[in-house]
Amino acid sequence: MVSPSTRKCMLKERVMDLVTQTTILPLLFGCLGIFGLFRVLQRIRSRTYLRNAVVVVTGATSGLGRECARAFHAAGAKLVLCGRNVKALEALISELAGSCTSQGQTHKPYMVTFDLTDPGAIAAAAVEILQCFGYVDILINNAGISYRGAISDTRVDVDRRVMEINYFGPVALTKALLPSMVKRKRGHIVAISSVQGKISIPFRSAYAASKHATQAFFDCLRAEMEQDNIEVTVISPGYIYTNLSVNAVTADGSIYGALDKNTAQGRSPAEVAQDVLAAVGKKKKDVLLTDLLPSLAVYLRTLAPGIFFRIMASRAKRERKSKNS
């Protein structure tokens, strides 16, 4: 014979099973459905935002810039591709014009050639860019140069050159195109920075300084442009498998000419370009595209700076020893 206490326990179990079946599971599936619907709507909104948008990409002739051109073209954007190498731009435009996509209509890109270190050329280029479609929806400041060298050996003109390309050039182009965006109360400025815009590592001083300045400027721009409905996105990738280190300048201004081990093990530019596309489509403010260790280093620099400084000092010591051996 079943005791009253056992019967009571069995009744509780049945009640819990009934609640689980009639409440918890439907609620769980409902939440999953809402989340899935949200993701679908987010993708649709992102595609709508990018389709037919006039997108300017600087540094489009190679590496991440070229892959961004391919990604945004496939998304249906109207491209204005910028760089110094006319033949490389023409080859890319020819490739894109002949490419097929399953995402819908694409547009033949325009090209504007200019040098980011020449302020006069930037002003003229901005006028030419605006003449292509009459306006700009999204400006992607991607062009840049890297650096390798010890601070004590580096000429000041090398520091200035890196700052001119990585900071003053994008700032000048942004300021040249900004009034047209403010007038339309619509626009999106994107700065391709680096994880080194958040932390500094030894023998990258000029590059890290230019990226720190980039982060600060565009953070300020974001706040100031809020009232004009202009989006600002700063994207900070880690190592990307491109020729950035090969084309880097050294302490005396010469070309580094070597592919770093870390760069060779970096992410593919095509993969990073898809992340850039997604970040822009979702109008994200600040995006860190790195592996776990660099991401942890960013937080370590803020939460435990003493430990971070010791780690960087140890890294500098190892690199210096490696170079001297």
Protein backbone atom coordinates (compact mmCIF):
# COMPACT_ATOMS: atom_id res chain seq x y z
CA MET A 1 0.00 0.00 0.00
CA VAL A 2 1.34 3.46 -0.96
CA SER A 3 1.88 5.77 2.00
CA PRO A 4 0.42 9.32 2.04
CA SER A 5 3.90 10.87 1.86
CA THR A 6 4.86 8.78 -1.18
CA ARG A 7 1.57 9.62 -2.84
CA LYS A 8 2.23 13.31 -2.16
CA CYS A 9 5.71 13.10 -3.75
CA MET A 10 4.30 11.33 -6.81
CA LEU A 11 1.66 14.03 -7.16
CA LYS A 12 4.34 16.75 -7.01
CA GLU A 13 6.36 15.01 -9.72
CA ARG A 14 3.31 14.78 -11.98
CA VAL A 15 2.52 18.43 -11.43
CA MET A 16 6.14 19.40 -12.26
CA ASP A 17 6.06 17.26 -15.42
CA LEU A 18 2.82 18.93 -16.45
CA VAL A 19 4.24 22.41 -15.83
CA THR A 20 7.38 21.56 -17.76
CA GLN A 21 5.44 20.23 -20.70
CA THR A 22 2.86 23.03 -20.81
CA THR A 23 4.98 26.04 -19.80
CA ILE A 24 8.76 25.65 -19.85
CA LEU A 25 9.21 23.92 -23.18
CA PRO A 26 6.82 26.16 -25.12
CA LEU A 27 8.44 29.19 -23.49
CA LEU A 28 11.89 27.91 -24.45
CA PHE A 29 10.90 27.23 -28.04
CA GLY A 30 9.13 30.59 -28.17
CA CYS A 31 12.31 32.39 -27.05
CA LEU A 32 14.35 30.51 -29.64
CA GLY A 33 11.81 31.44 -32.30
CA ILE A 34 11.90 35.11 -31.33
CA PHE A 35 15.69 35.08 -31.36
CA GLY A 36 15.75 33.42 -34.78
CA LEU A 37 13.24 35.94 -36.12
CA PHE A 38 15.33 38.78 -34.71
CA ARG A 39 18.43 37.44 -36.49
CA VAL A 40 16.54 37.12 -39.78
CA LEU A 41 15.19 40.68 -39.48
CA GLN A 42 18.67 41.91 -38.62
CA ARG A 43 20.12 40.29 -41.75
CA ILE A 44 17.35 41.75 -43.91
CA ARG A 45 17.88 45.22 -42.45
CA SER A 46 21.65 44.91 -43.00
CA ARG A 47 21.22 43.89 -46.64
CA THR A 48 18.73 46.69 -47.23
CA TYR A 49 21.13 49.20 -45.66
CA LEU A 50 24.02 48.15 -47.91
CA ARG A 51 22.16 47.52 -51.17
CA ASN A 52 22.55 50.50 -53.53
CA ALA A 53 24.49 52.44 -50.87
CA VAL A 54 27.36 54.55 -52.23
CA VAL A 55 30.46 53.14 -50.54
CA VAL A 56 33.95 54.66 -50.79
CA VAL A 57 36.88 52.34 -50.01
CA THR A 58 40.41 53.72 -49.67
CA GLY A 59 43.41 51.45 -50.10
CA ALA A 60 41.31 49.27 -52.38
CA THR A 61 44.18 47.95 -54.50
CA SER A 62 45.33 45.18 -52.16
CA GLY A 63 44.81 43.26 -48.92
CA LEU A 64 41.78 44.03 -46.80
CA GLY A 65 40.72 46.98 -48.99
CA ARG A 66 40.45 44.80 -52.07
CA GLU A 67 38.47 42.15 -50.20
CA CYS A 68 36.16 44.82 -48.77
CA ALA A 69 35.56 46.02 -52.33
CA ARG A 70 34.58 42.48 -53.33
CA ALA A 71 32.34 41.98 -50.29
CA PHE A 72 30.48 45.29 -50.60
CA HIS A 73 30.14 44.88 -54.38
CA ALA A 74 28.55 41.47 -53.88
CA ALA A 75 26.18 43.06 -51.36
CA GLY A 76 24.92 45.40 -54.08
CA ALA A 77 26.72 48.60 -53.06
CA LYS A 78 27.73 51.33 -55.51
CA LEU A 79 31.49 51.51 -55.11
CA VAL A 80 34.03 54.28 -55.46
CA LEU A 81 37.43 52.62 -55.15
CA CYS A 82 40.43 54.73 -54.16
CA GLY A 83 44.17 54.18 -54.23
CA ARG A 84 47.43 55.25 -55.88
CA ASN A 85 47.91 52.36 -58.31
CA VAL A 86 45.82 53.05 -61.42
CA LYS A 87 46.46 49.68 -63.06
CA ALA A 88 45.57 47.76 -59.90
CA LEU A 89 42.32 49.71 -59.54
CA GLU A 90 41.44 49.16 -63.20
CA ALA A 91 42.09 45.41 -62.83
CA LEU A 92 39.88 45.23 -59.74
CA ILE A 93 37.06 47.17 -61.42
CA SER A 94 37.27 44.89 -64.45
CA GLU A 95 37.08 41.84 -62.17
CA LEU A 96 34.10 43.17 -60.23
CA ALA A 97 32.26 44.29 -63.37
CA GLY A 98 32.54 40.78 -64.76
CA SER A 99 31.64 38.95 -61.57
CA CYS A 100 28.30 37.32 -60.88
CA THR A 101 26.45 37.26 -57.57
CA SER A 102 23.38 35.49 -56.26
CA GLN A 103 22.48 38.42 -53.98
CA GLY A 104 20.91 40.59 -56.66
CA GLN A 105 21.90 43.51 -58.87
CA THR A 106 25.45 44.84 -58.75
CA HIS A 107 26.90 48.11 -60.03
CA LYS A 108 30.06 48.89 -61.96
CA PRO A 109 32.48 50.67 -59.61
CA TYR A 110 34.13 54.04 -60.17
CA MET A 111 37.73 54.76 -59.29
CA VAL A 112 39.50 57.83 -57.92
CA THR A 113 43.29 57.87 -57.65
CA PHE A 114 45.12 60.09 -55.17
CA ASP A 115 47.85 60.13 -52.52
CA LEU A 116 46.73 60.34 -48.88
CA THR A 117 49.91 62.19 -47.95
CA ASP A 118 48.99 65.12 -50.23
CA PRO A 119 46.37 67.44 -48.62
CA GLY A 120 45.66 69.18 -51.93
CA ALA A 121 45.10 65.86 -53.66
CA ILE A 122 42.66 64.77 -50.93
CA ALA A 123 40.52 67.89 -51.36
CA ALA A 124 40.38 67.38 -55.13
CA ALA A 125 39.68 63.68 -54.69
CA ALA A 126 36.72 64.43 -52.40
CA VAL A 127 35.18 66.60 -55.13
CA GLU A 128 35.72 63.83 -57.69
CA ILE A 129 34.27 61.21 -55.33
CA LEU A 130 31.10 63.24 -54.86
CA GLN A 131 30.77 63.68 -58.61
CA CYS A 132 30.57 59.90 -59.14
CA PHE A 133 27.09 59.46 -57.64
CA GLY A 134 26.34 62.89 -56.20
CA TYR A 135 26.71 61.77 -52.58
CA VAL A 136 28.44 59.26 -50.28
CA ASP A 137 26.60 56.96 -47.88
CA ILE A 138 29.53 55.06 -46.38
CA LEU A 139 33.23 56.01 -46.26
CA ILE A 140 35.62 53.20 -45.36
CA ASN A 141 39.00 54.63 -44.32
CA ASN A 142 41.10 51.54 -44.92
CA ALA A 143 44.37 52.72 -46.50
CA GLY A 144 47.38 52.53 -44.21
CA ILE A 145 51.03 51.68 -43.71
CA SER A 146 52.80 49.70 -41.02
CA TYR A 147 56.13 50.22 -39.26
CA ARG A 148 58.92 48.17 -37.71
CA GLY A 149 61.74 49.69 -35.67
CA ALA A 150 63.17 50.83 -32.36
CA ILE A 151 62.17 54.29 -31.15
CA SER A 152 65.78 55.29 -30.46
CA ASP A 153 66.76 54.53 -34.08
CA THR A 154 63.72 56.02 -35.85
CA ARG A 155 63.92 59.34 -37.65
CA VAL A 156 61.14 61.80 -36.87
CA ASP A 157 60.27 62.08 -40.57
CA VAL A 158 59.39 58.37 -40.48
CA ASP A 159 56.99 58.99 -37.58
CA ARG A 160 55.47 61.87 -39.53
CA ARG A 161 55.05 59.75 -42.67
CA VAL A 162 53.22 56.99 -40.80
CA MET A 163 50.98 59.55 -39.07
CA GLU A 164 50.31 61.29 -42.39
CA ILE A 165 49.06 58.11 -44.05
CA ASN A 166 47.32 56.42 -41.12
CA TYR A 167 45.87 59.44 -39.34
CA PHE A 168 46.00 62.81 -41.09
CA GLY A 169 45.00 61.38 -44.49
CA PRO A 170 41.82 59.65 -43.26
CA VAL A 171 40.98 62.66 -41.09
CA ALA A 172 41.34 65.03 -44.06
CA LEU A 173 39.21 62.84 -46.35
CA THR A 174 36.57 62.43 -43.66
CA LYS A 175 36.39 66.18 -43.08
CA ALA A 176 36.16 66.80 -46.84
CA LEU A 177 33.17 64.46 -47.25
CA LEU A 178 31.47 65.15 -43.93
CA PRO A 179 29.64 68.39 -44.92
CA SER A 180 27.73 66.56 -47.68
CA MET A 181 26.65 63.91 -45.15
CA VAL A 182 25.61 66.52 -42.60
CA LYS A 183 23.57 68.29 -45.27
CA ARG A 184 21.71 65.06 -46.07
CA LYS A 185 21.48 64.07 -42.38
CA ARG A 186 22.72 60.68 -43.46
CA GLY A 187 26.09 58.95 -43.61
CA HIS A 188 28.40 56.38 -42.14
CA ILE A 189 32.12 56.83 -41.45
CA VAL A 190 34.19 53.67 -40.95
CA ALA A 191 37.78 53.64 -39.69
CA ILE A 192 39.82 50.48 -40.09
CA SER A 193 42.09 50.76 -37.08
CA SER A 194 43.96 47.93 -35.33
CA VAL A 195 44.14 46.20 -31.99
CA GLN A 196 47.30 48.32 -31.68
CA GLY A 197 45.01 51.31 -31.48
CA LYS A 198 44.02 49.97 -28.06
CA ILE A 199 47.31 48.48 -26.83
CA SER A 200 50.93 49.19 -27.81
CA ILE A 201 53.58 46.54 -28.44
CA PRO A 202 57.35 47.04 -28.71
CA PHE A 203 58.96 48.11 -31.99
CA ARG A 204 55.63 49.32 -33.45
CA SER A 205 55.62 52.82 -31.90
CA ALA A 206 54.76 54.91 -34.97
CA TYR A 207 52.05 52.49 -36.10
CA ALA A 208 50.50 52.12 -32.64
CA ALA A 209 50.58 55.89 -32.13
CA SER A 210 48.78 56.52 -35.43
CA LYS A 211 46.11 53.94 -34.57
CA HIS A 212 45.64 55.30 -31.04
CA ALA A 213 45.09 58.73 -32.61
CA THR A 214 42.64 57.21 -35.09
CA GLN A 215 40.64 55.59 -32.29
CA ALA A 216 40.47 58.85 -30.33
CA PHE A 217 39.49 61.01 -33.30
CA PHE A 218 36.68 58.78 -34.52
CA ASP A 219 35.37 58.23 -30.98
CA CYS A 220 35.03 62.03 -30.71
CA LEU A 221 33.48 62.21 -34.18
CA ARG A 222 30.87 59.62 -33.20
CA ALA A 223 29.72 61.69 -30.25
CA GLU A 224 29.64 64.95 -32.21
CA MET A 225 27.79 63.49 -35.19
CA GLU A 226 25.04 61.80 -33.17
CA GLN A 227 22.78 64.83 -33.63
CA ASP A 228 23.23 64.68 -37.41
CA ASN A 229 22.27 61.00 -37.68
CA ILE A 230 25.75 60.02 -38.92
CA GLU A 231 27.10 56.64 -37.85
CA VAL A 232 30.75 56.10 -36.92
CA THR A 233 32.31 52.64 -36.72
CA VAL A 234 35.85 51.86 -35.60
CA ILE A 235 37.02 48.35 -36.50
CA SER A 236 40.16 47.00 -34.84
CA PRO A 237 41.44 43.76 -36.43
CA GLY A 238 44.33 41.68 -35.18
CA TYR A 239 46.87 40.16 -37.56
CA ILE A 240 45.65 39.72 -41.15
CA TYR A 241 47.51 37.69 -43.76
CA THR A 242 48.40 40.54 -46.12
CA ASN A 243 51.53 42.35 -47.30
CA LEU A 244 51.19 45.01 -44.58
CA SER A 245 54.42 43.93 -42.88
CA VAL A 246 56.20 43.47 -46.22
CA ASN A 247 55.43 47.09 -47.16
CA ALA A 248 56.11 48.47 -43.68
CA VAL A 249 58.63 51.26 -43.23
CA THR A 250 61.59 50.85 -40.90
CA ALA A 251 63.51 53.24 -38.66
CA ASP A 252 65.46 54.79 -41.56
CA GLY A 253 62.48 54.96 -43.92
CA SER A 254 63.38 51.91 -45.99
CA ILE A 255 60.94 49.08 -46.70
CA TYR A 256 60.87 46.20 -44.22
CA GLY A 257 60.35 43.67 -47.02
CA ALA A 258 59.55 40.59 -44.91
CA LEU A 259 56.41 38.71 -43.93
CA ASP A 260 56.19 38.51 -40.14
CA LYS A 261 55.45 35.16 -38.55
CA ASN A 262 52.40 36.61 -36.76
CA THR A 263 51.17 38.20 -40.00
CA ALA A 264 51.63 34.93 -41.89
CA GLN A 265 49.48 33.20 -39.26
CA GLY A 266 46.82 35.92 -39.35
CA ARG A 267 43.26 35.66 -40.59
CA SER A 268 42.50 35.80 -44.29
CA PRO A 269 41.55 39.27 -45.56
CA ALA A 270 38.42 37.83 -47.21
CA GLU A 271 37.21 36.55 -43.84
CA VAL A 272 37.91 39.87 -42.13
CA ALA A 273 36.15 41.73 -44.96
CA GLN A 274 32.99 39.75 -44.26
CA ASP A 275 33.22 40.80 -40.61
CA VAL A 276 33.64 44.42 -41.72
CA LEU A 277 30.59 44.07 -43.97
CA ALA A 278 28.54 42.66 -41.08
CA ALA A 279 29.71 45.35 -38.65
CA VAL A 280 28.84 48.15 -41.07
CA GLY A 281 25.48 46.60 -41.94
CA LYS A 282 24.59 46.37 -38.24
CA LYS A 283 25.89 49.92 -37.61
CA LYS A 284 28.14 48.78 -34.79
CA LYS A 285 30.08 51.46 -32.95
CA ASP A 286 33.34 49.74 -32.01
CA VAL A 287 34.43 46.27 -33.11
CA LEU A 288 37.43 44.24 -31.99
CA LEU A 289 38.29 41.48 -34.50
CA THR A 290 41.01 39.51 -32.71
CA ASP A 291 41.78 36.15 -31.20
CA LEU A 292 41.44 35.47 -27.47
CA LEU A 293 44.93 36.56 -26.32
CA PRO A 294 44.92 40.04 -27.93
CA SER A 295 41.40 40.58 -26.62
CA LEU A 296 42.53 39.64 -23.12
CA ALA A 297 45.52 41.98 -23.49
CA VAL A 298 43.16 44.91 -24.15
CA TYR A 299 41.34 44.25 -20.87
CA LEU A 300 44.58 43.52 -19.01
CA ARG A 301 45.94 46.93 -20.06
CA THR A 302 42.93 48.55 -18.38
CA LEU A 303 42.42 46.32 -15.33
CA ALA A 304 46.02 45.38 -14.46
CA PRO A 305 48.37 47.81 -16.28
CA GLY A 306 51.39 46.84 -14.16
CA ILE A 307 51.19 43.22 -15.33
CA PHE A 308 50.64 44.33 -18.92
CA PHE A 309 53.72 46.60 -18.83
CA ARG A 310 55.90 43.79 -17.48
CA ILE A 311 54.70 41.45 -20.23
CA MET A 312 55.49 44.04 -22.92
CA ALA A 313 58.92 44.73 -21.40
CA SER A 314 59.65 41.01 -21.46
CA ARG A 315 58.52 40.83 -25.09
CA ALA A 316 60.79 43.74 -26.03
CA LYS A 317 63.71 42.02 -24.34
CA ARG A 318 63.08 38.78 -26.26
CA GLU A 319 62.73 40.56 -29.61
CA ARG A 320 65.88 42.60 -29.05
CA LYS A 321 67.79 39.46 -28.12
CA SER A 322 66.44 37.64 -31.17
CA LYS A 323 67.56 40.48 -33.49
CA ASN A 324 71.03 40.62 -31.98
CA SER A 325 71.62 36.87 -32.14
